């Protein structure tokens, strides 16, 4: 389906989406640098400190699909701008937060705002740009995400060092107000492909409970309560499928996964991709500082190689998926991702920095080839009435994959090392953990290659609809 929009609307939508795609990743990657300073000011223990990051991920994942559905019904621009208001105002609350509890509440609100932004931003782009241009603009959008991830640790460290951790939240205020002003005064039109449908409140509640149980359970692994929560989440998942199969207007269209092979396997490939790659930076950061003896800024400079490659190449790989079947491009990207991660299985005390940088470059190339084409495949495989849910589901796959990736890493550490401090005495066990984790991620990538190939051909899927 070709969607006609004037050039000004296209340019405005792309600028707004690019600016807002930068914000949440920048916040996620920069806040980790500031956690020690935040903990020191509020005297927070490690568990409570972890909730500053976890609360954001949980609330964002829980609300993304419901708000995506609401956007399909009531208008994407409306939900998008409300999300910007919530994200920006909660950033201001965090800046003035007098206690750790207020700060965590503000992070929950930030997650809700982020869910509304990410659940609609990609959908607006797909509505505004015709099929032949989607890969290009989605690639530019992905590049903005990676730019936020790249600059987060560097700028976050500078801001925290010179202006304190609160400056990380204050900078989000003008960065949020600029796209909000553009939405209000420059972005013309509204998009709501499912105005005739009703919102499935019961399904949304079941979905939210399921996701909270699974994500929080995974974050607690390998503790018994973590396994119990994750199991409860899986049971709730089957309850959700049963409910959504019966209602007329489901918040999560189960039939879409059953009838749309491209959509189903593209989302599965996204989940596997994020599950196998998100913890890479975490593991390598520890390796570089403990085993190689580098300072945090030196380790950060090396790790920036991966997102830098992704930032530069994503617009081109997205454009490539406009001309070449996305399944082929994304599968090639997953294969290169496998090669990059497999290289880290062979890390040792004598491994050269050049080898690590080369592995990160290969990984960055693989991810840039996978992400934009895979997003293009997902958004181009659904009807306009499902654009909000399609965009939100992709965001949910990303968040769940990130939590699962960290859960795997933590499970490996608990199994092979136990709850001990990483000191020279335990470096051999630490190296074993790193190698085992990367081996598991490599196997996941192989599964992801088959999932990516199994999705079918997007062009044929579109031809069948026509």
Protein backbone atom coordinates (compact mmCIF):
# COMPACT_ATOMS: atom_id res chain seq x y z
CA UNK A 1 0.00 0.00 0.00
CA UNK A 2 1.51 3.32 -1.09
CA UNK A 3 0.99 6.20 1.30
CA UNK A 4 1.11 9.66 -0.21
CA UNK A 5 2.47 12.55 1.84
CA UNK A 6 3.92 15.88 0.86
CA UNK A 7 7.67 16.46 1.13
CA UNK A 8 7.37 18.80 4.14
CA UNK A 9 5.41 16.22 6.14
CA UNK A 10 7.96 13.54 5.25
CA UNK A 11 10.92 15.70 6.26
CA UNK A 12 9.23 16.80 9.49
CA UNK A 13 8.29 13.24 10.45
CA UNK A 14 11.83 12.01 9.79
CA UNK A 15 13.41 14.81 11.85
CA UNK A 16 11.02 14.19 14.77
CA UNK A 17 11.51 10.41 14.66
CA UNK A 18 15.30 10.79 14.46
CA UNK A 19 15.44 13.16 17.46
CA UNK A 20 13.15 11.02 19.60
CA UNK A 21 14.89 7.76 18.64
CA UNK A 22 18.08 9.23 20.10
CA UNK A 23 16.61 10.10 23.51
CA UNK A 24 15.71 6.75 25.20
CA UNK A 25 18.89 4.87 24.10
CA UNK A 26 21.02 7.80 25.23
CA UNK A 27 19.25 7.77 28.60
CA UNK A 28 19.67 4.00 28.99
CA UNK A 29 23.37 3.95 28.10
CA UNK A 30 24.35 7.13 29.98
CA UNK A 31 22.57 6.38 33.26
CA UNK A 32 24.76 3.30 33.87
CA UNK A 33 27.79 5.57 34.14
CA UNK A 34 26.05 7.65 36.80
CA UNK A 35 24.83 4.79 39.02
CA UNK A 36 27.79 4.93 41.48
CA UNK A 37 27.27 8.68 41.97
CA UNK A 38 23.51 8.22 42.46
CA UNK A 39 24.10 5.40 44.92
CA UNK A 40 26.55 7.51 46.91
CA UNK A 41 24.14 10.48 47.19
CA UNK A 42 21.13 8.44 48.28
CA UNK A 43 23.03 5.67 50.14
CA UNK A 44 21.40 3.02 47.97
CA UNK A 45 22.31 -0.66 48.15
CA UNK A 46 23.11 -2.65 45.02
CA UNK A 47 19.60 -4.10 44.67
CA UNK A 48 17.88 -0.73 44.98
CA UNK A 49 20.42 0.81 42.62
CA UNK A 50 19.62 -1.85 40.06
CA UNK A 51 15.99 -0.76 40.09
CA UNK A 52 16.96 2.60 38.59
CA UNK A 53 17.69 0.75 35.36
CA UNK A 54 15.23 -2.15 35.73
CA UNK A 55 12.17 0.01 36.53
CA UNK A 56 12.59 1.87 33.23
CA UNK A 57 12.92 -1.31 31.16
CA UNK A 58 9.96 -2.99 32.87
CA UNK A 59 7.52 -0.08 32.53
CA UNK A 60 8.57 0.55 28.95
CA UNK A 61 8.04 -3.08 27.95
CA UNK A 62 4.76 -3.47 29.83
CA UNK A 63 3.07 -0.45 28.25
CA UNK A 64 4.49 -0.56 24.73
CA UNK A 65 2.02 -2.92 23.04
CA UNK A 66 -1.10 -1.55 24.81
CA UNK A 67 -0.17 2.00 23.83
CA UNK A 68 0.62 0.81 20.31
CA UNK A 69 -2.95 -0.51 20.09
CA UNK A 70 -4.37 2.69 21.59
CA UNK A 71 -2.43 4.65 18.95
CA UNK A 72 -3.95 2.51 16.19
CA UNK A 73 -7.42 3.37 17.55
CA UNK A 74 -7.14 6.99 18.69
CA UNK A 75 -4.27 8.38 16.63
CA UNK A 76 -0.51 7.89 16.54
CA UNK A 77 0.46 11.55 16.63
CA UNK A 78 -1.72 12.11 19.70
CA UNK A 79 -0.13 9.24 21.67
CA UNK A 80 3.34 10.22 20.42
CA UNK A 81 3.08 13.78 21.71
CA UNK A 82 1.58 12.66 25.05
CA UNK A 83 4.55 10.31 25.37
CA UNK A 84 6.94 13.20 24.74
CA UNK A 85 5.22 15.27 27.45
CA UNK A 86 5.46 12.40 29.96
CA UNK A 87 9.10 11.61 29.10
CA UNK A 88 10.19 15.26 29.29
CA UNK A 89 8.28 16.13 32.48
CA UNK A 90 9.43 12.95 34.26
CA UNK A 91 13.03 13.85 33.34
CA UNK A 92 12.49 17.17 35.09
CA UNK A 93 11.08 15.35 38.15
CA UNK A 94 14.18 13.12 38.18
CA UNK A 95 16.41 16.19 38.06
CA UNK A 96 14.81 17.53 41.26
CA UNK A 97 14.33 14.09 42.91
CA UNK A 98 14.91 14.46 46.68
CA UNK A 99 15.02 10.72 47.37
CA UNK A 100 15.70 7.37 45.73
CA UNK A 101 11.98 6.45 45.77
CA UNK A 102 11.02 9.61 43.84
CA UNK A 103 13.84 8.94 41.39
CA UNK A 104 12.61 5.38 40.75
CA UNK A 105 9.02 6.61 40.29
CA UNK A 106 10.27 9.15 37.75
CA UNK A 107 12.12 6.36 35.93
CA UNK A 108 8.88 4.36 35.74
CA UNK A 109 7.17 7.40 34.21
CA UNK A 110 10.07 7.80 31.79
CA UNK A 111 9.56 4.19 30.73
CA UNK A 112 5.85 4.84 30.10
CA UNK A 113 6.68 7.90 28.01
CA UNK A 114 9.32 5.96 26.13
CA UNK A 115 6.79 3.20 25.40
CA UNK A 116 4.44 5.75 23.86
CA UNK A 117 7.25 7.29 21.79
CA UNK A 118 8.80 4.04 20.54
CA UNK A 119 5.42 2.40 20.07
CA UNK A 120 4.37 5.08 17.57
CA UNK A 121 7.49 6.73 16.11
CA UNK A 122 8.31 3.94 13.66
CA UNK A 123 4.62 3.56 12.81
CA UNK A 124 4.37 7.26 11.89
CA UNK A 125 7.35 6.90 9.56
CA UNK A 126 5.76 3.88 7.87
CA UNK A 127 2.51 5.82 7.44
CA UNK A 128 4.22 8.86 5.95
CA UNK A 129 6.75 7.19 3.65
CA UNK A 130 5.82 4.88 0.75
CA UNK A 131 7.02 1.29 0.62
CA UNK A 132 9.91 2.02 -1.73
CA UNK A 133 11.47 4.48 0.77
CA UNK A 134 10.83 2.68 4.06
CA UNK A 135 14.13 0.86 4.34
CA UNK A 136 16.05 4.10 3.87
CA UNK A 137 14.19 6.07 6.55
CA UNK A 138 14.09 3.14 8.97
CA UNK A 139 17.85 2.87 8.51
CA UNK A 140 18.28 6.54 9.39
CA UNK A 141 16.02 6.00 12.40
CA UNK A 142 18.12 3.00 13.50
CA UNK A 143 21.30 5.06 13.10
CA UNK A 144 19.87 7.60 15.55
CA UNK A 145 19.27 4.80 18.08
CA UNK A 146 22.85 3.60 17.77
CA UNK A 147 24.17 7.17 17.99
CA UNK A 148 22.38 7.48 21.33
CA UNK A 149 23.92 4.21 22.50
CA UNK A 150 27.36 5.34 21.27
CA UNK A 151 27.36 8.81 22.81
CA UNK A 152 25.61 7.77 26.05
CA UNK A 153 28.63 6.44 27.97
CA UNK A 154 30.97 9.17 26.68
CA UNK A 155 28.70 12.21 27.18
CA UNK A 156 27.19 10.65 30.30
CA UNK A 157 30.64 10.37 31.83
CA UNK A 158 31.51 13.98 30.98
CA UNK A 159 28.20 15.37 32.26
CA UNK A 160 28.39 13.33 35.47
CA UNK A 161 32.01 14.33 36.09
CA UNK A 162 31.57 18.08 35.50
CA UNK A 163 27.90 18.78 36.31
CA UNK A 164 26.72 15.84 38.42
CA UNK A 165 24.36 12.96 37.64
CA UNK A 166 21.26 15.18 37.66
CA UNK A 167 22.46 16.89 34.48
CA UNK A 168 21.74 13.64 32.58
CA UNK A 169 18.03 14.16 33.26
CA UNK A 170 18.07 17.92 32.75
CA UNK A 171 19.51 17.62 29.25
CA UNK A 172 16.48 15.52 28.26
CA UNK A 173 14.17 18.49 28.83
CA UNK A 174 15.28 20.63 25.84
CA UNK A 175 15.87 17.48 23.79
CA UNK A 176 12.25 16.53 24.44
CA UNK A 177 10.75 20.00 23.98
CA UNK A 178 12.22 20.50 20.49
CA UNK A 179 10.50 17.49 18.84
CA UNK A 180 7.33 18.23 20.86
CA UNK A 181 7.20 21.72 19.36
CA UNK A 182 7.70 20.26 15.88
CA UNK A 183 4.88 17.75 16.41
CA UNK A 184 2.47 20.44 17.64
CA UNK A 185 3.18 23.08 15.01
CA UNK A 186 4.73 21.39 11.99
CA UNK A 187 3.62 17.75 11.70
CA UNK A 188 0.34 17.78 9.78
CA UNK A 189 -2.21 14.96 9.74
CA UNK A 190 -3.16 12.08 12.01
CA UNK A 191 -2.92 8.33 11.55
CA UNK A 192 -5.30 5.80 13.10
CA UNK A 193 -5.89 2.67 11.05
CA UNK A 194 -8.22 0.98 13.56
CA UNK A 195 -10.63 3.73 14.61
CA UNK A 196 -13.57 1.33 14.47
CA UNK A 197 -12.06 -1.06 17.02
CA UNK A 198 -12.41 -1.07 20.82
CA UNK A 199 -9.53 -1.23 23.27
CA UNK A 200 -9.05 -4.63 24.94
CA UNK A 201 -8.53 -3.63 28.59
CA UNK A 202 -8.67 -7.18 30.03
CA UNK A 203 -6.18 -8.44 27.44
CA UNK A 204 -3.88 -5.51 28.21
CA UNK A 205 -3.92 -6.33 31.93
CA UNK A 206 -3.17 -10.01 31.30
CA UNK A 207 -0.41 -9.03 28.85
CA UNK A 208 1.15 -6.60 31.37
CA UNK A 209 1.08 -9.15 34.21
CA UNK A 210 2.66 -11.75 31.94
CA UNK A 211 5.48 -9.44 30.89
CA UNK A 212 6.20 -8.23 34.43
CA UNK A 213 6.42 -11.83 35.68
CA UNK A 214 8.71 -12.95 32.84
CA UNK A 215 11.03 -9.92 32.79
CA UNK A 216 11.31 -9.54 36.55
CA UNK A 217 11.73 -13.29 36.92
CA UNK A 218 14.55 -13.34 34.38
CA UNK A 219 16.27 -10.48 36.21
CA UNK A 220 16.23 -12.54 39.44
CA UNK A 221 17.70 -15.73 37.95
CA UNK A 222 19.11 -18.09 39.11
CA UNK A 223 17.24 -17.50 42.40
CA UNK A 224 14.26 -19.89 42.90
CA UNK A 225 11.81 -16.99 43.07
CA UNK A 226 13.09 -15.82 39.68
CA UNK A 227 12.38 -19.21 38.11
CA UNK A 228 8.94 -19.29 39.77
CA UNK A 229 8.03 -15.85 38.43
CA UNK A 230 9.25 -16.68 34.93
CA UNK A 231 7.21 -19.91 35.00
CA UNK A 232 4.14 -17.99 36.19
CA UNK A 233 4.69 -15.60 33.30
CA UNK A 234 4.71 -18.46 30.82
CA UNK A 235 1.47 -19.83 32.27
CA UNK A 236 -0.06 -16.36 31.96
CA UNK A 237 1.14 -16.31 28.33
CA UNK A 238 -1.09 -19.27 27.50
CA UNK A 239 -3.97 -17.58 29.32
CA UNK A 240 -3.35 -14.49 27.18
CA UNK A 241 -3.45 -16.52 23.95
CA UNK A 242 -6.73 -18.12 25.06
CA UNK A 243 -8.30 -14.74 25.83
CA UNK A 244 -7.03 -12.93 22.74
CA UNK A 245 -8.27 -15.71 20.47
CA UNK A 246 -11.82 -15.10 21.70
CA UNK A 247 -12.18 -11.30 21.74
CA UNK A 248 -13.18 -9.30 18.66
CA UNK A 249 -10.52 -6.57 19.01
CA UNK A 250 -7.48 -8.08 20.77
CA UNK A 251 -4.65 -5.89 22.01
CA UNK A 252 -2.29 -8.60 20.73
CA UNK A 253 -3.56 -10.09 17.49
CA UNK A 254 -2.61 -13.75 17.89
CA UNK A 255 -3.98 -14.46 14.43
CA UNK A 256 -1.35 -12.13 12.98
CA UNK A 257 1.39 -14.47 14.22
CA UNK A 258 -0.47 -17.52 12.91
CA UNK A 259 -1.31 -16.17 9.45
CA UNK A 260 1.64 -13.84 8.77
CA UNK A 261 4.85 -15.88 8.50
CA UNK A 262 7.03 -12.85 7.75
CA UNK A 263 5.75 -10.96 10.79
CA UNK A 264 6.05 -13.93 13.17
CA UNK A 265 9.56 -15.06 12.23
CA UNK A 266 10.89 -11.51 11.88
CA UNK A 267 9.82 -10.79 15.47
CA UNK A 268 11.34 -14.09 16.60
CA UNK A 269 14.59 -13.22 14.82
CA UNK A 270 14.60 -9.80 16.55
CA UNK A 271 14.11 -11.42 19.97
CA UNK A 272 16.97 -13.86 19.34
CA UNK A 273 19.22 -11.12 18.00
CA UNK A 274 18.82 -8.89 21.05
CA UNK A 275 19.08 -11.89 23.39
CA UNK A 276 22.43 -12.88 21.90
CA UNK A 277 24.02 -9.42 21.60
CA UNK A 278 22.87 -7.05 24.36
CA UNK A 279 25.16 -8.48 27.08
CA UNK A 280 28.22 -8.32 24.80
CA UNK A 281 29.12 -4.80 25.94
CA UNK A 282 28.62 -5.76 29.59
CA UNK A 283 30.90 -8.81 29.31
CA UNK A 284 33.61 -7.06 27.30
CA UNK A 285 33.57 -4.06 29.63
CA UNK A 286 34.37 -6.34 32.58
CA UNK A 287 36.94 -8.28 30.56
CA UNK A 288 38.78 -5.14 29.41
CA UNK A 289 38.91 -3.65 32.90
CA UNK A 290 39.67 -6.78 34.93
CA UNK A 291 41.73 -8.94 32.58
CA UNK A 292 43.37 -6.26 30.41
CA UNK A 293 43.65 -3.69 33.24
CA UNK A 294 42.17 -0.78 31.28
CA UNK A 295 40.53 2.28 32.82
CA UNK A 296 36.76 2.79 32.28
CA UNK A 297 37.29 5.57 29.72
CA UNK A 298 39.80 3.41 27.81
CA UNK A 299 37.40 0.45 27.78
CA UNK A 300 34.58 2.71 26.63
CA UNK A 301 36.69 4.01 23.76
CA UNK A 302 37.23 0.44 22.51
CA UNK A 303 33.60 -0.60 22.95
CA UNK A 304 32.35 2.37 20.93
CA UNK A 305 33.66 0.64 17.78
CA UNK A 306 30.53 -1.51 17.48
CA UNK A 307 27.79 1.17 17.74
CA UNK A 308 29.89 3.55 15.65
CA UNK A 309 29.89 1.08 12.75
CA UNK A 310 26.15 0.60 13.19
CA UNK A 311 25.52 4.36 13.20
CA UNK A 312 27.42 4.85 9.95
CA UNK A 313 26.11 1.84 8.04
CA UNK A 314 22.46 1.53 9.13
CA UNK A 315 21.08 4.12 6.66
CA UNK A 316 22.78 2.26 3.80
CA UNK A 317 21.65 -1.21 4.91
CA UNK A 318 18.13 0.09 5.30
CA UNK A 319 18.22 1.46 1.76
CA UNK A 320 19.61 -1.89 0.59
CA UNK A 321 16.53 -3.65 1.98
CA UNK A 322 14.36 -1.45 -0.29
CA UNK A 323 16.04 -3.08 -3.29
CA UNK A 324 16.98 -6.55 -2.05
CA UNK A 325 14.66 -8.96 -0.22
CA UNK A 326 14.97 -8.03 3.51
CA UNK A 327 15.14 -11.72 4.47
CA UNK A 328 18.44 -12.12 2.60
CA UNK A 329 20.03 -8.95 3.98
CA UNK A 330 18.92 -9.62 7.57
CA UNK A 331 20.04 -13.27 7.45
CA UNK A 332 23.47 -12.21 6.17
CA UNK A 333 23.59 -9.78 9.10
CA UNK A 334 22.71 -12.52 11.58
CA UNK A 335 25.45 -14.72 10.10
CA UNK A 336 28.03 -11.94 10.51
CA UNK A 337 26.78 -11.37 14.05
CA UNK A 338 27.47 -15.06 14.72
CA UNK A 339 31.04 -14.66 13.42
CA UNK A 340 31.65 -11.59 15.60
CA UNK A 341 30.35 -13.24 18.78
CA UNK A 342 32.10 -16.56 18.06
CA UNK A 343 35.42 -14.71 17.96
CA UNK A 344 34.97 -13.71 21.61
CA UNK A 345 34.69 -17.36 22.66
CA UNK A 346 38.47 -17.47 22.21
CA UNK A 347 39.27 -14.55 24.54
CA UNK A 348 42.19 -15.09 26.88
CA UNK A 349 44.64 -13.11 28.97
CA UNK A 350 46.91 -12.53 26.00
CA UNK A 351 44.24 -11.62 23.45
CA UNK A 352 45.19 -8.41 21.63
CA UNK A 353 43.07 -5.27 21.67
CA UNK A 354 43.19 -5.28 17.87
CA UNK A 355 41.47 -8.69 17.84
CA UNK A 356 38.70 -7.38 20.10
CA UNK A 357 38.19 -4.25 17.98
CA UNK A 358 38.03 -6.41 14.83
CA UNK A 359 35.39 -8.62 16.46
CA UNK A 360 33.37 -5.54 17.45
CA UNK A 361 33.56 -4.15 13.91
CA UNK A 362 32.29 -7.46 12.47
CA UNK A 363 29.54 -7.51 15.09
CA UNK A 364 28.59 -3.91 14.26
CA UNK A 365 28.45 -4.73 10.57
CA UNK A 366 26.28 -7.76 11.25
CA UNK A 367 23.87 -5.83 13.45
CA UNK A 368 23.57 -2.98 10.96
CA UNK A 369 22.76 -5.48 8.20
CA UNK A 370 20.16 -7.18 10.41
CA UNK A 371 18.33 -4.44 12.30
CA UNK A 372 17.05 -2.02 9.64
CA UNK A 373 16.05 -4.71 7.09
CA UNK A 374 14.36 -6.75 9.83
CA UNK A 375 12.39 -3.68 10.96
CA UNK A 376 11.47 -3.01 7.33
CA UNK A 377 10.22 -6.60 6.98
CA UNK A 378 8.06 -6.38 10.12
CA UNK A 379 6.46 -3.02 9.34
CA UNK A 380 5.92 -3.79 5.65
CA UNK A 381 4.27 -7.15 6.38
CA UNK A 382 1.30 -5.73 8.33
CA UNK A 383 -1.73 -3.70 7.31
CA UNK A 384 -1.98 0.02 8.25
CA UNK A 385 -4.45 -0.77 11.05
CA UNK A 386 -1.68 -2.75 12.79
CA UNK A 387 1.22 -0.30 12.38
CA UNK A 388 1.10 0.84 16.02
CA UNK A 389 1.05 -2.71 17.41
CA UNK A 390 3.69 -3.81 14.89
CA UNK A 391 6.06 -1.04 15.97
CA UNK A 392 5.33 -1.68 19.65
CA UNK A 393 5.82 -5.44 19.34
CA UNK A 394 9.25 -4.89 17.80
CA UNK A 395 10.15 -2.61 20.73
CA UNK A 396 8.94 -5.26 23.16
CA UNK A 397 11.10 -7.91 21.48
CA UNK A 398 14.06 -5.60 21.97
CA UNK A 399 13.41 -5.02 25.67
CA UNK A 400 12.63 -8.67 26.50
CA UNK A 401 15.69 -9.74 24.52
CA UNK A 402 17.87 -7.31 26.48
CA UNK A 403 16.62 -8.66 29.81
CA UNK A 404 17.02 -12.27 28.61
CA UNK A 405 20.58 -11.55 27.45
CA UNK A 406 21.58 -10.16 30.85
CA UNK A 407 19.75 -13.04 32.54
CA UNK A 408 21.84 -15.57 30.62
CA UNK A 409 25.06 -13.75 31.55
CA UNK A 410 24.08 -13.60 35.24
CA UNK A 411 23.08 -17.27 35.24
CA UNK A 412 26.47 -18.24 33.80
CA UNK A 413 28.32 -16.19 36.43
CA UNK A 414 26.25 -17.69 39.23
CA UNK A 415 26.82 -21.24 37.96
CA UNK A 416 30.57 -21.10 37.30
CA UNK A 417 31.72 -18.43 39.77
CA UNK A 418 29.17 -18.00 42.49
CA UNK A 419 28.62 -14.77 44.41
CA UNK A 420 32.26 -13.72 44.76
CA UNK A 421 34.00 -10.46 44.02
CA UNK A 422 35.97 -10.42 40.76
CA UNK A 423 39.53 -10.28 42.08
CA UNK A 424 42.77 -11.68 40.53
CA UNK A 425 42.29 -14.94 42.45
CA UNK A 426 39.10 -15.64 40.47
CA UNK A 427 40.21 -14.35 37.05
CA UNK A 428 40.49 -17.90 35.59
CA UNK A 429 36.88 -18.66 36.59
CA UNK A 430 35.82 -15.26 35.25
CA UNK A 431 37.36 -16.05 31.86
CA UNK A 432 35.51 -19.37 31.79
CA UNK A 433 32.24 -17.51 32.43
CA UNK A 434 32.93 -15.07 29.61
CA UNK A 435 33.71 -17.87 27.16
CA UNK A 436 30.65 -19.93 28.15
CA UNK A 437 28.37 -16.91 27.83
CA UNK A 438 29.69 -16.08 24.36
CA UNK A 439 29.36 -19.75 23.36
CA UNK A 440 25.68 -19.69 24.39
CA UNK A 441 25.14 -16.44 22.47
CA UNK A 442 26.81 -18.01 19.41
CA UNK A 443 24.39 -20.93 19.51
CA UNK A 444 21.49 -18.47 19.80
CA UNK A 445 22.76 -16.70 16.69
CA UNK A 446 22.69 -19.96 14.74
CA UNK A 447 19.05 -20.41 15.77
CA UNK A 448 18.47 -16.81 14.71
CA UNK A 449 19.89 -17.49 11.24
CA UNK A 450 17.32 -20.24 10.70
CA UNK A 451 14.50 -18.06 12.11
CA UNK A 452 15.49 -15.25 9.76
CA UNK A 453 15.56 -17.53 6.72
CA UNK A 454 12.27 -19.20 7.68
CA UNK A 455 10.31 -15.94 7.56
CA UNK A 456 9.54 -16.30 3.86
CA UNK A 457 9.68 -13.64 1.16
CA UNK A 458 8.23 -10.21 1.89
CA UNK A 459 7.62 -9.34 -1.77
CA UNK A 460 5.55 -12.50 -2.26
CA UNK A 461 3.66 -11.78 0.96
CA UNK A 462 2.75 -8.30 -0.32
CA UNK A 463 1.78 -9.68 -3.73
CA UNK A 464 -0.62 -12.14 -2.08
CA UNK A 465 -2.34 -9.23 -0.24
CA UNK A 466 -2.73 -7.33 -3.50
